[in-house]
Amino acid sequence: MSRNFLLKLPSKVCSTMAPNIINARFSTSPPKASALPRLPVPPLKITLDRYLRSIKPFVNAEELKVTENLAAKFGSAGGVGEKLQKLLDERAKNTENWLADWWLNTAYLEFRAPVVVFSNPGLVFPRKEISSVKEQLSNASQVIAAALDFKVKLDSNEIAQEKMGPHPLDMSQYFKVLGTCRIPAEKRDKLRLPNDKDPAKHIVVVHNNQFFKVNVYGNHGGPISQGQILGQLKDCIHDSQEVAPPVGILTSEHRDNWAKAHKILSQSPQNKAVLDAIETCLFLVCIDGPPSPDERAAPNQFTSAALKMTHGGGSRGNSANRWFDKTIQVRKNQNLKKLQG
């Protein structure tokens, strides 16, 4: 099959679609991150003491003594440690959080192992008995509607301010949960954050490895009804009875390998448009096929469900029915027993 058609993505457009939605803004709550206390820089002596305590379980007495001498030299007056500490203090004065970018880049974006298992979490909703496929889709539409309701509250600053005791906490992460996507790049990945000037109005539904763009906001500026969402889900299932090429499984690859494949896919204008739709959507809804014999025979169904949430079951399972770079993707299985997310 030609590469131009690998990422075929039909668009399910609701008739109530309109270009305007509520913009995410800060008002009286929550406070901007710049108004909150900045992350303090620990004094050099405290940092070195913590370092020495942390290595004690892993070294013998001789190695510990050598390390203590090196730490003492590093932290001496006029030494390298003191000079670096001054640079760190200066960085803290000029940034909201001196650690945030370093942590994001080093712990996540520069980490080259696959995001599946190594970094991406997954969780399982409480068990819910489902008696029919119609009820499955109805349940999925409820989850989507609830997520959109949360988005409206978030955009309207109706989410209660989180605090630690009397102190307000930074809530900027709430505005990055929906619509954010990790973009593969060699050496260091990038983050594609929501565009406040052109906010996303769609989700992406995945079934049989086929990706559907589903517009979920109406001409009144708010989300469409649960009934309309349900109708869109039914259309997606109806139009994707054949299994498409497993492009989604590329997102589970080593990051440099996926970066190269992403670059090749992006050379096609059609694929580029599809990638944009996936990367900018509010979240993904993954509608999986029937469970495998191993999944049905699993002694602990919640453990089995958690594994499918974490990695999708591999190339013989539903790992291609995913886009692991998205911050949020909800999985709906077809065993007529429960819904996971």
C-alpha atoms as a PDB file:
ATOM      1  CA  MET A   1       0.000   0.000   0.000  1.00  0.00           C
ATOM      2  CA  SER A   2       1.275   3.461  -0.832  1.00  0.00           C
ATOM      3  CA  ARG A   3       2.579   5.511   2.090  1.00  0.00           C
ATOM      4  CA  ASN A   4       0.132   8.243   1.103  1.00  0.00           C
ATOM      5  CA  PHE A   5      -2.718   6.099   2.373  1.00  0.00           C
ATOM      6  CA  LEU A   6      -1.175   4.640   5.518  1.00  0.00           C
ATOM      7  CA  LEU A   7      -2.848   7.184   7.771  1.00  0.00           C
ATOM      8  CA  LYS A   8      -6.238   7.441   6.120  1.00  0.00           C
ATOM      9  CA  LEU A   9      -8.420   9.409   8.531  1.00  0.00           C
ATOM     10  CA  PRO A  10     -12.090   9.959   7.622  1.00  0.00           C
ATOM     11  CA  SER A  11     -13.573  13.030   9.295  1.00  0.00           C
ATOM     12  CA  LYS A  12     -16.875  12.659  11.120  1.00  0.00           C
ATOM     13  CA  VAL A  13     -18.196  16.213  11.237  1.00  0.00           C
ATOM     14  CA  CYS A  14     -21.291  16.994  13.295  1.00  0.00           C
ATOM     15  CA  SER A  15     -23.700  19.435  11.632  1.00  0.00           C
ATOM     16  CA  THR A  16     -23.558  21.686  14.686  1.00  0.00           C
ATOM     17  CA  MET A  17     -19.831  22.291  14.254  1.00  0.00           C
ATOM     18  CA  ALA A  18     -18.733  25.917  14.630  1.00  0.00           C
ATOM     19  CA  PRO A  19     -15.361  27.686  14.743  1.00  0.00           C
ATOM     20  CA  ASN A  20     -15.667  29.260  18.185  1.00  0.00           C
ATOM     21  CA  ILE A  21     -15.306  27.667  21.597  1.00  0.00           C
ATOM     22  CA  ILE A  22     -14.532  28.916  25.066  1.00  0.00           C
ATOM     23  CA  ASN A  23     -10.906  29.975  25.487  1.00  0.00           C
ATOM     24  CA  ALA A  24      -8.874  28.843  28.484  1.00  0.00           C
ATOM     25  CA  ARG A  25      -8.044  31.892  30.584  1.00  0.00           C
ATOM     26  CA  PHE A  26      -6.843  32.619  34.092  1.00  0.00           C
ATOM     27  CA  SER A  27      -9.082  34.921  36.116  1.00  0.00           C
ATOM     28  CA  THR A  28      -9.172  35.170  39.897  1.00  0.00           C
ATOM     29  CA  SER A  29      -8.526  31.426  40.190  1.00  0.00           C
ATOM     30  CA  PRO A  30      -6.186  29.713  39.781  1.00  0.00           C
ATOM     31  CA  PRO A  31      -3.239  32.092  40.232  1.00  0.00           C
ATOM     32  CA  LYS A  32      -0.612  32.323  37.530  1.00  0.00           C
ATOM     33  CA  ALA A  33       2.530  30.335  38.153  1.00  0.00           C
ATOM     34  CA  SER A  34       4.518  33.593  38.247  1.00  0.00           C
ATOM     35  CA  ALA A  35       2.488  34.699  41.290  1.00  0.00           C
ATOM     36  CA  LEU A  36       3.398  31.597  43.291  1.00  0.00           C
ATOM     37  CA  PRO A  37       6.530  31.113  45.399  1.00  0.00           C
ATOM     38  CA  ARG A  38       9.451  29.907  43.326  1.00  0.00           C
ATOM     39  CA  LEU A  39      11.080  26.542  43.871  1.00  0.00           C
ATOM     40  CA  PRO A  40      13.898  27.170  46.356  1.00  0.00           C
ATOM     41  CA  VAL A  41      17.462  26.099  45.640  1.00  0.00           C
ATOM     42  CA  PRO A  42      18.826  23.925  48.473  1.00  0.00           C
ATOM     43  CA  PRO A  43      22.083  25.180  50.000  1.00  0.00           C
ATOM     44  CA  LEU A  44      25.123  23.376  48.636  1.00  0.00           C
ATOM     45  CA  LYS A  45      25.926  21.687  51.962  1.00  0.00           C
ATOM     46  CA  ILE A  46      22.424  20.209  52.207  1.00  0.00           C
ATOM     47  CA  THR A  47      22.647  18.923  48.629  1.00  0.00           C
ATOM     48  CA  LEU A  48      26.001  17.250  49.273  1.00  0.00           C
ATOM     49  CA  ASP A  49      24.825  15.738  52.569  1.00  0.00           C
ATOM     50  CA  ARG A  50      21.775  14.259  50.834  1.00  0.00           C
ATOM     51  CA  TYR A  51      23.960  12.890  48.059  1.00  0.00           C
ATOM     52  CA  LEU A  52      26.266  11.155  50.518  1.00  0.00           C
ATOM     53  CA  ARG A  53      23.335   9.649  52.409  1.00  0.00           C
ATOM     54  CA  SER A  54      21.824   8.389  49.154  1.00  0.00           C
ATOM     55  CA  ILE A  55      24.936   6.445  48.104  1.00  0.00           C
ATOM     56  CA  LYS A  56      25.616   4.731  51.433  1.00  0.00           C
ATOM     57  CA  PRO A  57      23.572   1.588  50.632  1.00  0.00           C
ATOM     58  CA  PHE A  58      25.526   1.064  47.404  1.00  0.00           C
ATOM     59  CA  VAL A  59      29.188   1.520  48.402  1.00  0.00           C
ATOM     60  CA  ASN A  60      31.611  -0.026  50.857  1.00  0.00           C
ATOM     61  CA  ALA A  61      33.432   1.891  53.600  1.00  0.00           C
ATOM     62  CA  GLU A  62      36.487   2.621  51.461  1.00  0.00           C
ATOM     63  CA  GLU A  63      34.425   3.899  48.524  1.00  0.00           C
ATOM     64  CA  LEU A  64      32.346   6.034  50.869  1.00  0.00           C
ATOM     65  CA  LYS A  65      35.464   7.622  52.350  1.00  0.00           C
ATOM     66  CA  VAL A  66      36.811   8.499  48.899  1.00  0.00           C
ATOM     67  CA  THR A  67      33.475  10.002  47.900  1.00  0.00           C
ATOM     68  CA  GLU A  68      33.247  12.021  51.119  1.00  0.00           C
ATOM     69  CA  ASN A  69      36.678  13.527  50.418  1.00  0.00           C
ATOM     70  CA  LEU A  70      35.656  14.414  46.867  1.00  0.00           C
ATOM     71  CA  ALA A  71      32.426  15.989  48.120  1.00  0.00           C
ATOM     72  CA  ALA A  72      34.331  18.024  50.707  1.00  0.00           C
ATOM     73  CA  LYS A  73      36.697  19.320  48.023  1.00  0.00           C
ATOM     74  CA  PHE A  74      33.783  20.064  45.694  1.00  0.00           C
ATOM     75  CA  GLY A  75      31.987  22.052  48.418  1.00  0.00           C
ATOM     76  CA  SER A  76      35.005  23.946  49.772  1.00  0.00           C
ATOM     77  CA  ALA A  77      35.126  27.747  49.759  1.00  0.00           C
ATOM     78  CA  GLY A  78      35.988  28.999  46.285  1.00  0.00           C
ATOM     79  CA  GLY A  79      35.638  25.505  44.861  1.00  0.00           C
ATOM     80  CA  VAL A  80      33.767  24.301  41.794  1.00  0.00           C
ATOM     81  CA  GLY A  81      30.638  23.542  43.792  1.00  0.00           C
ATOM     82  CA  GLU A  82      30.396  27.065  45.144  1.00  0.00           C
ATOM     83  CA  LYS A  83      30.744  28.553  41.664  1.00  0.00           C
ATOM     84  CA  LEU A  84      28.065  26.234  40.269  1.00  0.00           C
ATOM     85  CA  GLN A  85      25.786  27.009  43.210  1.00  0.00           C
ATOM     86  CA  LYS A  86      25.972  30.726  42.370  1.00  0.00           C
ATOM     87  CA  LEU A  87      24.978  29.968  38.774  1.00  0.00           C
ATOM     88  CA  LEU A  88      22.081  27.864  40.029  1.00  0.00           C
ATOM     89  CA  ASP A  89      20.936  30.658  42.348  1.00  0.00           C
ATOM     90  CA  GLU A  90      21.050  33.079  39.426  1.00  0.00           C
ATOM     91  CA  ARG A  91      18.988  30.720  37.276  1.00  0.00           C
ATOM     92  CA  ALA A  92      16.405  30.457  40.042  1.00  0.00           C
ATOM     93  CA  LYS A  93      16.028  34.260  40.088  1.00  0.00           C
ATOM     94  CA  ASN A  94      15.261  34.386  36.362  1.00  0.00           C
ATOM     95  CA  THR A  95      12.935  31.391  35.951  1.00  0.00           C
ATOM     96  CA  GLU A  96       9.644  30.356  37.533  1.00  0.00           C
ATOM     97  CA  ASN A  97      11.084  26.930  38.309  1.00  0.00           C
ATOM     98  CA  TRP A  98      14.810  26.309  37.952  1.00  0.00           C
ATOM     99  CA  LEU A  99      14.339  22.529  37.790  1.00  0.00           C
ATOM    100  CA  ALA A 100      11.256  22.119  35.559  1.00  0.00           C
ATOM    101  CA  ASP A 101      12.866  22.332  32.101  1.00  0.00           C
ATOM    102  CA  TRP A 102      15.845  20.210  33.103  1.00  0.00           C
ATOM    103  CA  TRP A 103      13.581  17.563  34.585  1.00  0.00           C
ATOM    104  CA  LEU A 104      11.242  17.524  31.580  1.00  0.00           C
ATOM    105  CA  ASN A 105      14.077  17.266  29.090  1.00  0.00           C
ATOM    106  CA  THR A 106      16.370  14.855  30.947  1.00  0.00           C
ATOM    107  CA  ALA A 107      13.835  12.528  32.553  1.00  0.00           C
ATOM    108  CA  TYR A 108      11.361  12.431  29.660  1.00  0.00           C
ATOM    109  CA  LEU A 109      12.013  14.094  26.301  1.00  0.00           C
ATOM    110  CA  GLU A 110      15.645  12.964  25.992  1.00  0.00           C
ATOM    111  CA  PHE A 111      14.869   9.445  27.221  1.00  0.00           C
ATOM    112  CA  ARG A 112      15.189   7.294  24.111  1.00  0.00           C
ATOM    113  CA  ALA A 113      13.491   4.098  25.265  1.00  0.00           C
ATOM    114  CA  PRO A 114       9.879   3.548  24.129  1.00  0.00           C
ATOM    115  CA  VAL A 115       7.264   5.486  26.098  1.00  0.00           C
ATOM    116  CA  VAL A 116       5.242   2.277  26.430  1.00  0.00           C
ATOM    117  CA  VAL A 117       5.896   0.615  29.806  1.00  0.00           C
ATOM    118  CA  PHE A 118       8.962   2.805  30.484  1.00  0.00           C
ATOM    119  CA  SER A 119       7.123   6.110  31.002  1.00  0.00           C
ATOM    120  CA  ASN A 120       3.435   5.977  30.116  1.00  0.00           C
ATOM    121  CA  PRO A 121       1.046   5.074  32.957  1.00  0.00           C
ATOM    122  CA  GLY A 122      -2.355   3.432  32.603  1.00  0.00           C
ATOM    123  CA  LEU A 123      -5.330   3.048  34.908  1.00  0.00           C
ATOM    124  CA  VAL A 124      -8.464   0.915  34.984  1.00  0.00           C
ATOM    125  CA  PHE A 125     -11.948   2.210  35.741  1.00  0.00           C
ATOM    126  CA  PRO A 126     -14.131   0.303  38.225  1.00  0.00           C
ATOM    127  CA  ARG A 127     -15.803  -2.769  36.767  1.00  0.00           C
ATOM    128  CA  LYS A 128     -19.057  -2.091  34.920  1.00  0.00           C
ATOM    129  CA  GLU A 129     -21.286  -4.780  33.452  1.00  0.00           C
ATOM    130  CA  ILE A 130     -22.260  -4.090  29.829  1.00  0.00           C
ATOM    131  CA  SER A 131     -24.898  -6.197  28.096  1.00  0.00           C
ATOM    132  CA  SER A 132     -24.609  -5.044  24.465  1.00  0.00           C
ATOM    133  CA  VAL A 133     -22.433  -3.216  21.953  1.00  0.00           C
ATOM    134  CA  LYS A 134     -24.990  -0.406  21.986  1.00  0.00           C
ATOM    135  CA  GLU A 135     -24.460  -0.034  25.720  1.00  0.00           C
ATOM    136  CA  GLN A 136     -20.702  -0.100  25.166  1.00  0.00           C
ATOM    137  CA  LEU A 137     -20.867   2.886  22.856  1.00  0.00           C
ATOM    138  CA  SER A 138     -23.343   4.633  25.137  1.00  0.00           C
ATOM    139  CA  ASN A 139     -20.935   4.184  28.017  1.00  0.00           C
ATOM    140  CA  ALA A 140     -18.063   5.498  25.925  1.00  0.00           C
ATOM    141  CA  SER A 141     -20.136   8.541  24.954  1.00  0.00           C
ATOM    142  CA  GLN A 142     -20.732   9.218  28.663  1.00  0.00           C
ATOM    143  CA  VAL A 143     -16.990   9.226  29.308  1.00  0.00           C
ATOM    144  CA  ILE A 144     -16.409  11.598  26.391  1.00  0.00           C
ATOM    145  CA  ALA A 145     -19.215  13.918  27.500  1.00  0.00           C
ATOM    146  CA  ALA A 146     -17.848  13.976  31.060  1.00  0.00           C
ATOM    147  CA  ALA A 147     -14.354  14.839  29.807  1.00  0.00           C
ATOM    148  CA  LEU A 148     -15.764  17.673  27.706  1.00  0.00           C
ATOM    149  CA  ASP A 149     -17.746  18.930  30.691  1.00  0.00           C
ATOM    150  CA  PHE A 150     -14.501  19.029  32.665  1.00  0.00           C
ATOM    151  CA  LYS A 151     -12.886  20.971  29.795  1.00  0.00           C
ATOM    152  CA  VAL A 152     -15.666  23.580  29.943  1.00  0.00           C
ATOM    153  CA  LYS A 153     -15.212  23.962  33.709  1.00  0.00           C
ATOM    154  CA  LEU A 154     -11.472  24.242  33.225  1.00  0.00           C
ATOM    155  CA  ASP A 155     -11.828  26.914  30.550  1.00  0.00           C
ATOM    156  CA  SER A 156     -14.288  28.823  32.742  1.00  0.00           C
ATOM    157  CA  ASN A 157     -11.997  28.653  35.801  1.00  0.00           C
ATOM    158  CA  GLU A 158     -14.555  26.640  37.745  1.00  0.00           C
ATOM    159  CA  ILE A 159     -12.039  24.061  38.984  1.00  0.00           C
ATOM    160  CA  ALA A 160     -11.326  24.546  42.689  1.00  0.00           C
ATOM    161  CA  GLN A 161      -7.882  25.859  43.544  1.00  0.00           C
ATOM    162  CA  GLU A 162      -5.599  23.120  44.835  1.00  0.00           C
ATOM    163  CA  LYS A 163      -3.678  23.935  47.987  1.00  0.00           C
ATOM    164  CA  MET A 164      -1.068  22.458  50.283  1.00  0.00           C
ATOM    165  CA  GLY A 165      -2.367  23.669  53.621  1.00  0.00           C
ATOM    166  CA  PRO A 166      -3.009  27.400  53.125  1.00  0.00           C
ATOM    167  CA  HIS A 167      -0.648  27.661  50.155  1.00  0.00           C
ATOM    168  CA  PRO A 168      -2.040  27.620  46.569  1.00  0.00           C
ATOM    169  CA  LEU A 169      -0.406  25.196  44.139  1.00  0.00           C
ATOM    170  CA  ASP A 170       0.474  25.708  40.496  1.00  0.00           C
ATOM    171  CA  MET A 171      -2.394  24.347  38.360  1.00  0.00           C
ATOM    172  CA  SER A 172      -0.939  25.114  34.925  1.00  0.00           C
ATOM    173  CA  GLN A 173      -0.658  21.371  34.230  1.00  0.00           C
ATOM    174  CA  TYR A 174      -4.454  21.150  34.096  1.00  0.00           C
ATOM    175  CA  PHE A 175      -4.354  23.265  30.945  1.00  0.00           C
ATOM    176  CA  LYS A 176      -1.870  20.882  29.323  1.00  0.00           C
ATOM    177  CA  VAL A 177      -3.660  17.582  29.928  1.00  0.00           C
ATOM    178  CA  LEU A 178      -6.166  17.885  27.077  1.00  0.00           C
ATOM    179  CA  GLY A 179      -4.756  18.577  23.631  1.00  0.00           C
ATOM    180  CA  THR A 180      -1.072  17.924  24.339  1.00  0.00           C
ATOM    181  CA  CYS A 181       1.011  15.450  22.348  1.00  0.00           C
ATOM    182  CA  ARG A 182       4.594  14.286  22.447  1.00  0.00           C
ATOM    183  CA  ILE A 183       6.302  14.643  19.051  1.00  0.00           C
ATOM    184  CA  PRO A 184       9.191  12.278  18.251  1.00  0.00           C
ATOM    185  CA  ALA A 185      12.522  13.841  17.350  1.00  0.00           C
ATOM    186  CA  GLU A 186      16.043  12.461  17.278  1.00  0.00           C
ATOM    187  CA  LYS A 187      18.002  13.052  20.509  1.00  0.00           C
ATOM    188  CA  ARG A 188      15.163  14.984  22.186  1.00  0.00           C
ATOM    189  CA  ASP A 189      11.413  14.842  21.622  1.00  0.00           C
ATOM    190  CA  LYS A 190       9.196  17.923  21.563  1.00  0.00           C
ATOM    191  CA  LEU A 191       5.869  18.770  23.159  1.00  0.00           C
ATOM    192  CA  ARG A 192       2.999  20.068  21.068  1.00  0.00           C
ATOM    193  CA  LEU A 193       0.866  22.075  23.490  1.00  0.00           C
ATOM    194  CA  PRO A 194      -2.710  23.343  23.015  1.00  0.00           C
ATOM    195  CA  ASN A 195      -2.991  26.486  20.892  1.00  0.00           C
ATOM    196  CA  ASP A 196      -5.023  29.087  22.814  1.00  0.00           C
ATOM    197  CA  LYS A 197      -5.514  31.130  19.627  1.00  0.00           C
ATOM    198  CA  ASP A 198      -6.878  28.135  17.711  1.00  0.00           C
ATOM    199  CA  PRO A 199      -8.115  25.669  20.356  1.00  0.00           C
ATOM    200  CA  ALA A 200      -8.943  22.101  19.394  1.00  0.00           C
ATOM    201  CA  LYS A 201     -12.614  21.260  18.860  1.00  0.00           C
ATOM    202  CA  HIS A 202     -12.220  17.584  18.070  1.00  0.00           C
ATOM    203  CA  ILE A 203     -11.277  14.201  19.461  1.00  0.00           C
ATOM    204  CA  VAL A 204      -9.929  11.217  17.520  1.00  0.00           C
ATOM    205  CA  VAL A 205     -11.649   7.824  17.628  1.00  0.00           C
ATOM    206  CA  VAL A 206      -9.563   4.761  16.711  1.00  0.00           C
ATOM    207  CA  HIS A 207     -11.121   1.473  15.592  1.00  0.00           C
ATOM    208  CA  ASN A 208      -9.451  -1.342  13.643  1.00  0.00           C
ATOM    209  CA  ASN A 209      -6.349   0.884  13.375  1.00  0.00           C
ATOM    210  CA  GLN A 210      -8.400   3.536  11.545  1.00  0.00           C
ATOM    211  CA  PHE A 211      -8.361   7.094  12.905  1.00  0.00           C
ATOM    212  CA  PHE A 212     -11.494   9.249  12.785  1.00  0.00           C
ATOM    213  CA  LYS A 213     -11.554  12.976  13.475  1.00  0.00           C
ATOM    214  CA  VAL A 214     -14.757  13.700  15.404  1.00  0.00           C
ATOM    215  CA  ASN A 215     -15.777  17.294  16.013  1.00  0.00           C
ATOM    216  CA  VAL A 216     -17.328  17.588  19.471  1.00  0.00           C
ATOM    217  CA  TYR A 217     -18.187  21.298  19.756  1.00  0.00           C
ATOM    218  CA  GLY A 218     -21.346  22.882  18.384  1.00  0.00           C
ATOM    219  CA  ASN A 219     -22.289  26.282  16.980  1.00  0.00           C
ATOM    220  CA  HIS A 220     -23.356  27.407  20.453  1.00  0.00           C
ATOM    221  CA  GLY A 221     -19.717  27.351  21.505  1.00  0.00           C
ATOM    222  CA  GLY A 222     -19.993  24.364  23.824  1.00  0.00           C
ATOM    223  CA  PRO A 223     -19.781  20.571  23.519  1.00  0.00           C
ATOM    224  CA  ILE A 224     -22.364  18.665  21.506  1.00  0.00           C
ATOM    225  CA  SER A 225     -24.808  16.429  23.366  1.00  0.00           C
ATOM    226  CA  GLN A 226     -24.068  12.897  24.514  1.00  0.00           C
ATOM    227  CA  GLY A 227     -26.608  11.649  21.981  1.00  0.00           C
ATOM    228  CA  GLN A 228     -24.740  13.359  19.148  1.00  0.00           C
ATOM    229  CA  ILE A 229     -21.459  11.915  20.410  1.00  0.00           C
ATOM    230  CA  LEU A 230     -23.035   8.450  20.461  1.00  0.00           C
ATOM    231  CA  GLY A 231     -24.175   8.898  16.863  1.00  0.00           C
ATOM    232  CA  GLN A 232     -20.652   9.812  15.829  1.00  0.00           C
ATOM    233  CA  LEU A 233     -19.237   6.721  17.541  1.00  0.00           C
ATOM    234  CA  LYS A 234     -21.713   4.490  15.731  1.00  0.00           C
ATOM    235  CA  ASP A 235     -20.681   6.029  12.407  1.00  0.00           C
ATOM    236  CA  CYS A 236     -16.998   5.426  13.169  1.00  0.00           C
ATOM    237  CA  ILE A 237     -17.603   1.750  13.926  1.00  0.00           C
ATOM    238  CA  HIS A 238     -19.798   1.319  10.846  1.00  0.00           C
ATOM    239  CA  ASP A 239     -17.159   2.852   8.575  1.00  0.00           C
ATOM    240  CA  SER A 240     -14.172   0.864   9.899  1.00  0.00           C
ATOM    241  CA  GLN A 241     -15.053  -2.801   9.587  1.00  0.00           C
ATOM    242  CA  GLU A 242     -11.747  -3.612   7.874  1.00  0.00           C
ATOM    243  CA  VAL A 243      -8.454  -3.601   9.766  1.00  0.00           C
ATOM    244  CA  ALA A 244      -6.095  -0.900   8.462  1.00  0.00           C
ATOM    245  CA  PRO A 245      -2.262  -1.001   8.391  1.00  0.00           C
ATOM    246  CA  PRO A 246      -0.881  -0.862  11.964  1.00  0.00           C
ATOM    247  CA  VAL A 247       0.597   2.637  11.818  1.00  0.00           C
ATOM    248  CA  GLY A 248      -0.287   3.409  15.438  1.00  0.00           C
ATOM    249  CA  ILE A 249       2.146   0.802  16.730  1.00  0.00           C
ATOM    250  CA  LEU A 250       5.010   3.003  15.523  1.00  0.00           C
ATOM    251  CA  THR A 251       4.377   5.207  18.566  1.00  0.00           C
ATOM    252  CA  SER A 252       5.576   2.310  20.752  1.00  0.00           C
ATOM    253  CA  GLU A 253       8.981   2.210  19.020  1.00  0.00           C
ATOM    254  CA  HIS A 254      12.376   3.438  20.216  1.00  0.00           C
ATOM    255  CA  ARG A 255      12.111   7.222  20.047  1.00  0.00           C
ATOM    256  CA  ASP A 256      14.823   7.726  17.415  1.00  0.00           C
ATOM    257  CA  ASN A 257      13.299   5.034  15.187  1.00  0.00           C
ATOM    258  CA  TRP A 258       9.849   6.565  15.565  1.00  0.00           C
ATOM    259  CA  ALA A 259      11.286  10.020  14.828  1.00  0.00           C
ATOM    260  CA  LYS A 260      12.648   8.780  11.499  1.00  0.00           C
ATOM    261  CA  ALA A 261       9.335   7.128  10.592  1.00  0.00           C
ATOM    262  CA  HIS A 262       7.397  10.241  11.643  1.00  0.00           C
ATOM    263  CA  LYS A 263       9.569  12.364   9.365  1.00  0.00           C
ATOM    264  CA  ILE A 264       8.899  10.039   6.417  1.00  0.00           C
ATOM    265  CA  LEU A 265       5.149   9.995   7.057  1.00  0.00           C
ATOM    266  CA  SER A 266       5.073  13.794   7.315  1.00  0.00           C
ATOM    267  CA  GLN A 267       6.439  14.150   3.784  1.00  0.00           C
ATOM    268  CA  SER A 268       2.999  13.234   2.456  1.00  0.00           C
ATOM    269  CA  PRO A 269       0.578  16.208   2.675  1.00  0.00           C
ATOM    270  CA  GLN A 270      -2.279  13.797   3.389  1.00  0.00           C
ATOM    271  CA  ASN A 271      -0.374  12.094   6.187  1.00  0.00           C
ATOM    272  CA  LYS A 272       0.747  15.474   7.543  1.00  0.00           C
ATOM    273  CA  ALA A 273      -2.882  16.578   7.858  1.00  0.00           C
ATOM    274  CA  VAL A 274      -3.763  13.348   9.646  1.00  0.00           C
ATOM    275  CA  LEU A 275      -0.835  13.678  12.035  1.00  0.00           C
ATOM    276  CA  ASP A 276      -1.926  17.243  12.794  1.00  0.00           C
ATOM    277  CA  ALA A 277      -5.450  16.041  13.581  1.00  0.00           C
ATOM    278  CA  ILE A 278      -4.142  13.369  15.956  1.00  0.00           C
ATOM    279  CA  GLU A 279      -1.542  15.552  17.631  1.00  0.00           C
ATOM    280  CA  THR A 280      -3.913  18.472  18.250  1.00  0.00           C
ATOM    281  CA  CYS A 281      -7.026  16.532  19.302  1.00  0.00           C
ATOM    282  CA  LEU A 282      -8.282  16.874  22.869  1.00  0.00           C
ATOM    283  CA  PHE A 283      -7.837  13.141  23.465  1.00  0.00           C
ATOM    284  CA  LEU A 284      -8.119   9.723  21.795  1.00  0.00           C
ATOM    285  CA  VAL A 285     -10.846   7.135  22.233  1.00  0.00           C
ATOM    286  CA  CYS A 286      -9.523   3.657  21.380  1.00  0.00           C
ATOM    287  CA  ILE A 287     -12.238   1.138  20.517  1.00  0.00           C
ATOM    288  CA  ASP A 288     -10.565  -2.264  20.660  1.00  0.00           C
ATOM    289  CA  GLY A 289     -11.564  -5.501  19.005  1.00  0.00           C
ATOM    290  CA  PRO A 290     -12.613  -8.692  20.808  1.00  0.00           C
ATOM    291  CA  PRO A 291     -10.288  -9.909  23.582  1.00  0.00           C
ATOM    292  CA  SER A 292      -7.670 -12.517  22.748  1.00  0.00           C
ATOM    293  CA  PRO A 293      -7.919 -16.068  24.175  1.00  0.00           C
ATOM    294  CA  ASP A 294      -5.143 -15.194  26.648  1.00  0.00           C
ATOM    295  CA  GLU A 295      -7.051 -12.129  27.801  1.00  0.00           C
ATOM    296  CA  ARG A 296     -10.257 -14.122  28.269  1.00  0.00           C
ATOM    297  CA  ALA A 297      -8.387 -16.816  30.206  1.00  0.00           C
ATOM    298  CA  ALA A 298      -6.487 -14.400  32.461  1.00  0.00           C
ATOM    299  CA  PRO A 299      -7.023 -15.301  36.146  1.00  0.00           C
ATOM    300  CA  ASN A 300      -7.101 -11.632  37.151  1.00  0.00           C
ATOM    301  CA  GLN A 301      -9.198  -9.573  34.762  1.00  0.00           C
ATOM    302  CA  PHE A 302      -8.144  -6.262  36.310  1.00  0.00           C
ATOM    303  CA  THR A 303      -4.465  -7.120  35.823  1.00  0.00           C
ATOM    304  CA  SER A 304      -5.209  -8.115  32.240  1.00  0.00           C
ATOM    305  CA  ALA A 305      -7.096  -4.860  31.679  1.00  0.00           C
ATOM    306  CA  ALA A 306      -4.230  -2.859  33.179  1.00  0.00           C
ATOM    307  CA  LEU A 307      -1.776  -4.544  30.822  1.00  0.00           C
ATOM    308  CA  LYS A 308      -3.955  -3.678  27.830  1.00  0.00           C
ATOM    309  CA  MET A 309      -4.128  -0.102  29.067  1.00  0.00           C
ATOM    310  CA  THR A 310      -0.350   0.026  29.404  1.00  0.00           C
ATOM    311  CA  HIS A 311       0.728  -1.528  26.102  1.00  0.00           C
ATOM    312  CA  GLY A 312      -2.350  -2.683  24.174  1.00  0.00           C
ATOM    313  CA  GLY A 313      -1.320  -6.339  23.986  1.00  0.00           C
ATOM    314  CA  GLY A 314       1.444  -6.063  21.394  1.00  0.00           C
ATOM    315  CA  SER A 315       1.380  -6.455  17.617  1.00  0.00           C
ATOM    316  CA  ARG A 316      -1.044  -9.389  17.866  1.00  0.00           C
ATOM    317  CA  GLY A 317      -3.289  -7.432  20.192  1.00  0.00           C
ATOM    318  CA  ASN A 318      -4.408  -3.810  20.021  1.00  0.00           C
ATOM    319  CA  SER A 319      -1.139  -1.875  20.255  1.00  0.00           C
ATOM    320  CA  ALA A 320      -1.716  -0.497  16.750  1.00  0.00           C
ATOM    321  CA  ASN A 321      -5.104   0.806  17.881  1.00  0.00           C
ATOM    322  CA  ARG A 322      -3.330   3.451  19.960  1.00  0.00           C
ATOM    323  CA  TRP A 323      -1.352   6.653  19.704  1.00  0.00           C
ATOM    324  CA  PHE A 324       0.935   6.384  22.718  1.00  0.00           C
ATOM    325  CA  ASP A 325       2.264   9.939  22.330  1.00  0.00           C
ATOM    326  CA  LYS A 326      -1.074  11.477  23.346  1.00  0.00           C
ATOM    327  CA  THR A 327      -1.396  12.620  26.949  1.00  0.00           C
ATOM    328  CA  ILE A 328      -4.885  11.124  27.283  1.00  0.00           C
ATOM    329  CA  GLN A 329      -6.360   8.134  25.460  1.00  0.00           C
ATOM    330  CA  VAL A 330      -9.401   6.218  26.649  1.00  0.00           C
ATOM    331  CA  ARG A 331      -9.717   2.534  25.804  1.00  0.00           C
ATOM    332  CA  LYS A 332     -13.073   0.807  25.355  1.00  0.00           C
ATOM    333  CA  ASN A 333     -12.869  -2.959  25.019  1.00  0.00           C
ATOM    334  CA  GLN A 334     -15.385  -5.329  23.440  1.00  0.00           C
ATOM    335  CA  ASN A 335     -15.680  -8.119  25.969  1.00  0.00           C
ATOM    336  CA  LEU A 336     -19.046  -6.731  27.093  1.00  0.00           C
ATOM    337  CA  LYS A 337     -17.863  -6.655  30.686  1.00  0.00           C
ATOM    338  CA  LYS A 338     -16.133  -3.385  31.458  1.00  0.00           C
ATOM    339  CA  LEU A 339     -14.789  -0.104  30.201  1.00  0.00           C
ATOM    340  CA  GLN A 340     -11.246   0.978  30.865  1.00  0.00           C
ATOM    341  CA  GLY A 341      -9.648   4.375  30.556  1.00  0.00           C
END
